[in-house]
Amino acid sequence: MEEQFWALLSGSAAVTARVPSSRIVWGVLPQGGTLPGIVLNVIGNQDAAHLSDTDGLWRGRVQVDCYGLTYADAKRAARAVIDRLNGHADTNFRGVFLDAQRDDHETGASDRPFRVSLDFITHWRA
C-alpha cells in the first residue's frame, strides 16, 4: 500500500508542481533539505476479520503532512494532495477519503514553520 500511495502523489503533476517527488517521503524529511515537503505516515491499518478468516480488504489511516516556508505554500500543497487523493479508487485502492485536516505552525523548527496535516482513510486490497 505504501508504494502505491507514494506513487499516487509523486505521479501527480499538480502535486509535484508544488513539491518535488524527491521531497515526498515516508517518516521524516531529511535534515538540511529545502521546503516545501510532504511527509507520509501510516497511523493505522487493519485487515477486516471474520469468524473464519480475513477478507483481504484493509482499512487504514495515512497522515499526510504538507510543510512550507509560508502558510500559503503548505496550504497549496495540501490542496493539490486533496485534489489527487480524495475519492480516488483503482484496482489497489477501493477508496481513499479525506477524514480530517489540521493547520499548524511549528515554532520550534526553523526549517518547517508551517504544516497542514491531512488524514486519509484508505480501503485497499493487498
N, C-alpha and C. Protein backbone atom coordinates (compact mmCIF):
# COMPACT_ATOMS: atom_id res chain seq x y z
N MET A 1 0.82 -1.18 0.00
CA MET A 1 0.00 0.00 0.00
C MET A 1 0.87 1.25 0.00
N GLU A 2 1.95 1.23 0.76
CA GLU A 2 2.80 2.41 0.87
C GLU A 2 3.38 2.83 -0.48
N GLU A 3 3.82 1.84 -1.26
CA GLU A 3 4.40 2.15 -2.56
C GLU A 3 3.36 2.77 -3.49
N GLN A 4 2.14 2.21 -3.49
CA GLN A 4 1.08 2.74 -4.36
C GLN A 4 0.63 4.12 -3.90
N PHE A 5 0.57 4.34 -2.60
CA PHE A 5 0.15 5.64 -2.07
C PHE A 5 1.16 6.71 -2.48
N TRP A 6 2.46 6.40 -2.32
CA TRP A 6 3.51 7.33 -2.73
C TRP A 6 3.44 7.59 -4.22
N ALA A 7 3.21 6.55 -5.01
CA ALA A 7 3.14 6.70 -6.47
C ALA A 7 1.98 7.60 -6.89
N LEU A 8 0.87 7.53 -6.18
CA LEU A 8 -0.26 8.42 -6.50
C LEU A 8 0.14 9.88 -6.37
N LEU A 9 0.90 10.20 -5.32
CA LEU A 9 1.31 11.59 -5.10
C LEU A 9 2.46 12.00 -6.02
N SER A 10 3.48 11.16 -6.10
CA SER A 10 4.66 11.53 -6.89
C SER A 10 4.37 11.51 -8.39
N GLY A 11 3.31 10.82 -8.80
CA GLY A 11 2.93 10.77 -10.21
C GLY A 11 1.95 11.85 -10.60
N SER A 12 1.58 12.70 -9.68
CA SER A 12 0.62 13.76 -9.95
C SER A 12 1.35 15.05 -10.33
N ALA A 13 1.08 15.56 -11.53
CA ALA A 13 1.71 16.80 -11.97
C ALA A 13 1.32 17.97 -11.07
N ALA A 14 0.08 17.98 -10.59
CA ALA A 14 -0.38 19.07 -9.72
C ALA A 14 0.36 19.05 -8.39
N VAL A 15 0.61 17.86 -7.84
CA VAL A 15 1.33 17.76 -6.57
C VAL A 15 2.80 18.10 -6.77
N THR A 16 3.44 17.53 -7.79
CA THR A 16 4.87 17.77 -7.99
C THR A 16 5.16 19.19 -8.50
N ALA A 17 4.15 19.90 -8.96
CA ALA A 17 4.33 21.32 -9.28
C ALA A 17 4.53 22.13 -7.99
N ARG A 18 4.02 21.60 -6.88
CA ARG A 18 4.15 22.25 -5.57
C ARG A 18 5.31 21.68 -4.76
N VAL A 19 5.52 20.36 -4.86
CA VAL A 19 6.55 19.67 -4.06
C VAL A 19 7.24 18.66 -4.97
N PRO A 20 8.56 18.75 -5.13
CA PRO A 20 9.27 17.76 -5.95
C PRO A 20 9.08 16.34 -5.39
N SER A 21 9.01 15.35 -6.26
CA SER A 21 8.79 13.97 -5.79
C SER A 21 9.88 13.51 -4.83
N SER A 22 11.09 14.06 -4.95
CA SER A 22 12.17 13.69 -4.03
C SER A 22 11.92 14.21 -2.61
N ARG A 23 10.97 15.12 -2.45
CA ARG A 23 10.63 15.68 -1.14
C ARG A 23 9.29 15.12 -0.63
N ILE A 24 8.81 14.04 -1.26
CA ILE A 24 7.63 13.32 -0.77
C ILE A 24 8.16 12.02 -0.18
N VAL A 25 8.13 11.91 1.15
CA VAL A 25 8.83 10.82 1.82
C VAL A 25 7.97 10.20 2.92
N TRP A 26 8.29 8.97 3.26
CA TRP A 26 7.69 8.30 4.41
C TRP A 26 8.53 8.60 5.64
N GLY A 27 7.89 8.95 6.74
CA GLY A 27 8.57 9.06 8.03
C GLY A 27 9.01 10.44 8.42
N VAL A 28 10.07 10.95 7.78
CA VAL A 28 10.61 12.26 8.17
C VAL A 28 11.39 12.84 6.99
N LEU A 29 11.32 14.15 6.83
CA LEU A 29 12.12 14.81 5.80
C LEU A 29 13.58 14.80 6.23
N PRO A 30 14.50 14.52 5.31
CA PRO A 30 15.91 14.58 5.66
C PRO A 30 16.30 15.99 6.07
N GLN A 31 17.15 16.10 7.07
CA GLN A 31 17.59 17.41 7.52
C GLN A 31 18.47 18.07 6.46
N GLY A 32 18.43 19.38 6.45
CA GLY A 32 19.26 20.12 5.53
C GLY A 32 18.65 20.32 4.16
N GLY A 33 17.49 19.75 3.92
CA GLY A 33 16.82 19.92 2.64
C GLY A 33 16.00 21.18 2.62
N THR A 34 15.49 21.48 1.46
CA THR A 34 14.67 22.68 1.31
C THR A 34 13.20 22.32 1.40
N LEU A 35 12.40 23.32 1.67
CA LEU A 35 10.95 23.16 1.67
C LEU A 35 10.40 23.78 0.40
N PRO A 36 9.25 23.33 -0.04
CA PRO A 36 8.25 22.53 0.65
C PRO A 36 8.58 21.04 0.64
N GLY A 37 7.81 20.31 1.44
CA GLY A 37 7.95 18.87 1.52
C GLY A 37 6.68 18.22 2.02
N ILE A 38 6.55 16.93 1.75
CA ILE A 38 5.39 16.16 2.20
C ILE A 38 5.91 14.92 2.92
N VAL A 39 5.40 14.70 4.14
CA VAL A 39 5.77 13.53 4.93
C VAL A 39 4.54 12.65 5.11
N LEU A 40 4.71 11.35 4.86
CA LEU A 40 3.63 10.37 4.95
C LEU A 40 3.87 9.45 6.14
N ASN A 41 2.82 9.13 6.88
CA ASN A 41 2.90 8.19 7.99
C ASN A 41 1.64 7.35 8.05
N VAL A 42 1.81 6.03 8.15
CA VAL A 42 0.66 5.15 8.38
C VAL A 42 0.31 5.24 9.85
N ILE A 43 -0.92 5.63 10.14
CA ILE A 43 -1.37 5.79 11.51
C ILE A 43 -2.05 4.51 12.00
N GLY A 44 -2.73 3.83 11.12
CA GLY A 44 -3.39 2.59 11.48
C GLY A 44 -3.68 1.79 10.23
N ASN A 45 -3.76 0.48 10.38
CA ASN A 45 -4.02 -0.39 9.23
C ASN A 45 -4.55 -1.71 9.77
N GLN A 46 -5.68 -2.15 9.26
CA GLN A 46 -6.28 -3.37 9.78
C GLN A 46 -6.99 -4.13 8.68
N ASP A 47 -6.76 -5.44 8.65
CA ASP A 47 -7.47 -6.33 7.74
C ASP A 47 -8.78 -6.73 8.41
N ALA A 48 -9.87 -6.63 7.68
CA ALA A 48 -11.17 -6.96 8.26
C ALA A 48 -11.23 -8.45 8.63
N ALA A 49 -11.48 -8.72 9.90
CA ALA A 49 -11.52 -10.09 10.39
C ALA A 49 -12.96 -10.60 10.47
N HIS A 50 -13.10 -11.89 10.14
CA HIS A 50 -14.38 -12.58 10.26
C HIS A 50 -14.16 -13.82 11.12
N LEU A 51 -15.19 -14.55 11.42
CA LEU A 51 -15.05 -15.72 12.28
C LEU A 51 -14.13 -16.78 11.69
N SER A 52 -14.12 -16.92 10.37
CA SER A 52 -13.32 -17.98 9.77
C SER A 52 -12.00 -17.49 9.18
N ASP A 53 -11.87 -16.19 8.91
CA ASP A 53 -10.67 -15.71 8.24
C ASP A 53 -10.74 -14.19 8.11
N THR A 54 -9.86 -13.64 7.31
CA THR A 54 -9.95 -12.23 6.95
C THR A 54 -10.37 -12.14 5.49
N ASP A 55 -10.87 -10.98 5.10
CA ASP A 55 -11.33 -10.86 3.71
C ASP A 55 -10.32 -10.20 2.78
N GLY A 56 -9.16 -9.79 3.32
CA GLY A 56 -8.13 -9.20 2.49
C GLY A 56 -8.37 -7.75 2.13
N LEU A 57 -9.46 -7.17 2.60
CA LEU A 57 -9.73 -5.76 2.36
C LEU A 57 -9.28 -4.99 3.60
N TRP A 58 -8.24 -4.21 3.45
CA TRP A 58 -7.65 -3.49 4.56
C TRP A 58 -8.25 -2.10 4.67
N ARG A 59 -8.36 -1.61 5.90
CA ARG A 59 -8.80 -0.25 6.18
C ARG A 59 -7.72 0.40 7.01
N GLY A 60 -7.27 1.56 6.56
CA GLY A 60 -6.19 2.23 7.27
C GLY A 60 -6.35 3.73 7.28
N ARG A 61 -5.41 4.35 7.94
CA ARG A 61 -5.35 5.82 8.00
C ARG A 61 -3.92 6.22 7.68
N VAL A 62 -3.79 7.16 6.75
CA VAL A 62 -2.48 7.70 6.40
C VAL A 62 -2.51 9.19 6.69
N GLN A 63 -1.54 9.65 7.47
CA GLN A 63 -1.40 11.08 7.74
C GLN A 63 -0.44 11.66 6.72
N VAL A 64 -0.86 12.73 6.06
CA VAL A 64 -0.05 13.42 5.06
C VAL A 64 0.22 14.82 5.60
N ASP A 65 1.48 15.11 5.93
CA ASP A 65 1.87 16.42 6.45
C ASP A 65 2.53 17.21 5.33
N CYS A 66 1.93 18.36 5.00
CA CYS A 66 2.45 19.24 3.96
C CYS A 66 3.15 20.41 4.63
N TYR A 67 4.47 20.54 4.39
CA TYR A 67 5.28 21.58 5.01
C TYR A 67 5.63 22.65 3.99
N GLY A 68 5.69 23.91 4.46
CA GLY A 68 6.10 25.01 3.61
C GLY A 68 6.75 26.11 4.41
N LEU A 69 7.56 26.91 3.72
CA LEU A 69 8.17 28.06 4.39
C LEU A 69 7.14 29.11 4.73
N THR A 70 6.04 29.13 3.97
CA THR A 70 4.92 30.03 4.26
C THR A 70 3.67 29.19 4.42
N TYR A 71 2.68 29.77 5.07
CA TYR A 71 1.39 29.09 5.20
C TYR A 71 0.79 28.83 3.83
N ALA A 72 0.92 29.79 2.93
CA ALA A 72 0.36 29.64 1.59
C ALA A 72 0.99 28.45 0.85
N ASP A 73 2.30 28.26 0.99
CA ASP A 73 2.97 27.12 0.35
C ASP A 73 2.44 25.80 0.88
N ALA A 74 2.32 25.70 2.20
CA ALA A 74 1.81 24.47 2.81
C ALA A 74 0.37 24.22 2.39
N LYS A 75 -0.44 25.27 2.35
CA LYS A 75 -1.85 25.13 2.01
C LYS A 75 -2.03 24.73 0.54
N ARG A 76 -1.24 25.33 -0.36
CA ARG A 76 -1.35 24.98 -1.78
C ARG A 76 -0.95 23.52 -2.01
N ALA A 77 0.09 23.07 -1.32
CA ALA A 77 0.48 21.66 -1.43
C ALA A 77 -0.64 20.76 -0.91
N ALA A 78 -1.24 21.13 0.22
CA ALA A 78 -2.32 20.33 0.80
C ALA A 78 -3.52 20.26 -0.15
N ARG A 79 -3.85 21.36 -0.78
CA ARG A 79 -4.98 21.36 -1.73
C ARG A 79 -4.70 20.45 -2.92
N ALA A 80 -3.46 20.45 -3.41
CA ALA A 80 -3.10 19.56 -4.52
C ALA A 80 -3.21 18.10 -4.09
N VAL A 81 -2.78 17.79 -2.86
CA VAL A 81 -2.88 16.42 -2.33
C VAL A 81 -4.35 16.01 -2.22
N ILE A 82 -5.18 16.88 -1.67
CA ILE A 82 -6.60 16.58 -1.54
C ILE A 82 -7.23 16.32 -2.90
N ASP A 83 -6.93 17.18 -3.87
CA ASP A 83 -7.49 17.01 -5.21
C ASP A 83 -7.08 15.67 -5.81
N ARG A 84 -5.84 15.23 -5.52
CA ARG A 84 -5.36 13.96 -6.09
C ARG A 84 -5.94 12.74 -5.37
N LEU A 85 -6.04 12.80 -4.06
CA LEU A 85 -6.37 11.59 -3.30
C LEU A 85 -7.85 11.44 -2.93
N ASN A 86 -8.51 12.52 -2.58
CA ASN A 86 -9.87 12.40 -2.04
C ASN A 86 -10.83 11.81 -3.08
N GLY A 87 -11.38 10.66 -2.75
CA GLY A 87 -12.30 9.98 -3.65
C GLY A 87 -11.62 9.06 -4.66
N HIS A 88 -10.29 8.94 -4.58
CA HIS A 88 -9.57 8.09 -5.54
C HIS A 88 -9.92 6.62 -5.34
N ALA A 89 -10.06 5.91 -6.45
CA ALA A 89 -10.25 4.45 -6.43
C ALA A 89 -9.58 3.86 -7.66
N ASP A 90 -9.00 2.68 -7.51
CA ASP A 90 -8.40 1.94 -8.63
C ASP A 90 -8.38 0.46 -8.26
N THR A 91 -7.57 -0.34 -8.93
CA THR A 91 -7.56 -1.77 -8.64
C THR A 91 -6.98 -2.09 -7.28
N ASN A 92 -6.07 -1.26 -6.77
CA ASN A 92 -5.50 -1.49 -5.44
C ASN A 92 -6.31 -0.80 -4.35
N PHE A 93 -6.63 0.47 -4.59
CA PHE A 93 -7.38 1.25 -3.60
C PHE A 93 -8.86 1.21 -3.95
N ARG A 94 -9.66 0.66 -3.05
CA ARG A 94 -11.11 0.66 -3.26
C ARG A 94 -11.69 2.03 -2.96
N GLY A 95 -10.93 2.83 -2.21
CA GLY A 95 -11.34 4.20 -1.93
C GLY A 95 -10.36 4.87 -0.99
N VAL A 96 -10.07 6.14 -1.26
CA VAL A 96 -9.24 6.97 -0.39
C VAL A 96 -10.06 8.23 -0.11
N PHE A 97 -10.25 8.55 1.18
CA PHE A 97 -11.15 9.63 1.54
C PHE A 97 -10.53 10.52 2.63
N LEU A 98 -10.61 11.82 2.42
CA LEU A 98 -10.15 12.78 3.42
C LEU A 98 -11.02 12.68 4.65
N ASP A 99 -10.41 12.52 5.82
CA ASP A 99 -11.15 12.38 7.07
C ASP A 99 -10.98 13.59 7.98
N ALA A 100 -9.79 14.22 7.97
CA ALA A 100 -9.54 15.34 8.87
C ALA A 100 -8.44 16.22 8.29
N GLN A 101 -8.46 17.49 8.70
CA GLN A 101 -7.45 18.45 8.27
C GLN A 101 -7.13 19.37 9.43
N ARG A 102 -5.81 19.61 9.64
CA ARG A 102 -5.36 20.50 10.71
C ARG A 102 -4.27 21.41 10.18
N ASP A 103 -4.34 22.69 10.54
CA ASP A 103 -3.28 23.64 10.20
C ASP A 103 -2.48 23.91 11.46
N ASP A 104 -1.15 24.07 11.28
CA ASP A 104 -0.28 24.25 12.44
C ASP A 104 0.93 25.08 12.06
N HIS A 105 1.57 25.60 13.07
CA HIS A 105 2.82 26.34 12.90
C HIS A 105 3.82 25.79 13.89
N GLU A 106 4.90 25.24 13.38
CA GLU A 106 5.90 24.62 14.25
C GLU A 106 6.95 25.66 14.61
N THR A 107 6.77 26.31 15.72
CA THR A 107 7.67 27.39 16.12
C THR A 107 9.04 26.89 16.53
N GLY A 108 9.16 25.65 16.94
CA GLY A 108 10.44 25.12 17.41
C GLY A 108 11.33 24.60 16.31
N ALA A 109 10.87 24.59 15.07
CA ALA A 109 11.66 24.03 13.98
C ALA A 109 11.76 25.06 12.87
N SER A 110 12.93 25.68 12.73
CA SER A 110 13.09 26.76 11.77
C SER A 110 12.96 26.29 10.33
N ASP A 111 13.23 25.00 10.07
CA ASP A 111 13.14 24.51 8.70
C ASP A 111 11.75 23.99 8.34
N ARG A 112 10.80 23.99 9.27
CA ARG A 112 9.45 23.51 9.00
C ARG A 112 8.42 24.39 9.71
N PRO A 113 8.36 25.66 9.37
CA PRO A 113 7.49 26.52 10.18
C PRO A 113 6.00 26.34 9.96
N PHE A 114 5.55 25.93 8.79
CA PHE A 114 4.12 25.79 8.55
C PHE A 114 3.80 24.37 8.10
N ARG A 115 2.69 23.85 8.65
CA ARG A 115 2.29 22.48 8.33
C ARG A 115 0.77 22.41 8.21
N VAL A 116 0.33 21.69 7.18
CA VAL A 116 -1.08 21.32 7.06
C VAL A 116 -1.10 19.80 7.10
N SER A 117 -1.78 19.24 8.11
CA SER A 117 -1.87 17.79 8.26
C SER A 117 -3.21 17.31 7.73
N LEU A 118 -3.15 16.26 6.93
CA LEU A 118 -4.35 15.66 6.35
C LEU A 118 -4.40 14.20 6.75
N ASP A 119 -5.55 13.73 7.18
CA ASP A 119 -5.74 12.31 7.46
C ASP A 119 -6.64 11.71 6.39
N PHE A 120 -6.15 10.65 5.76
CA PHE A 120 -6.93 9.95 4.74
C PHE A 120 -7.26 8.54 5.22
N ILE A 121 -8.51 8.16 5.08
CA ILE A 121 -8.94 6.79 5.31
C ILE A 121 -8.73 6.05 4.00
N THR A 122 -8.08 4.89 4.08
CA THR A 122 -7.82 4.11 2.87
C THR A 122 -8.51 2.75 2.99
N HIS A 123 -9.06 2.33 1.90
CA HIS A 123 -9.62 0.97 1.77
C HIS A 123 -8.86 0.36 0.61
N TRP A 124 -8.09 -0.71 0.88
CA TRP A 124 -7.25 -1.28 -0.17
C TRP A 124 -7.13 -2.79 -0.03
N ARG A 125 -6.80 -3.40 -1.12
CA ARG A 125 -6.62 -4.86 -1.15
C ARG A 125 -5.18 -5.15 -1.49
N ALA A 126 -4.56 -6.01 -0.68
CA ALA A 126 -3.14 -6.36 -0.88
C ALA A 126 -2.96 -7.19 -2.14
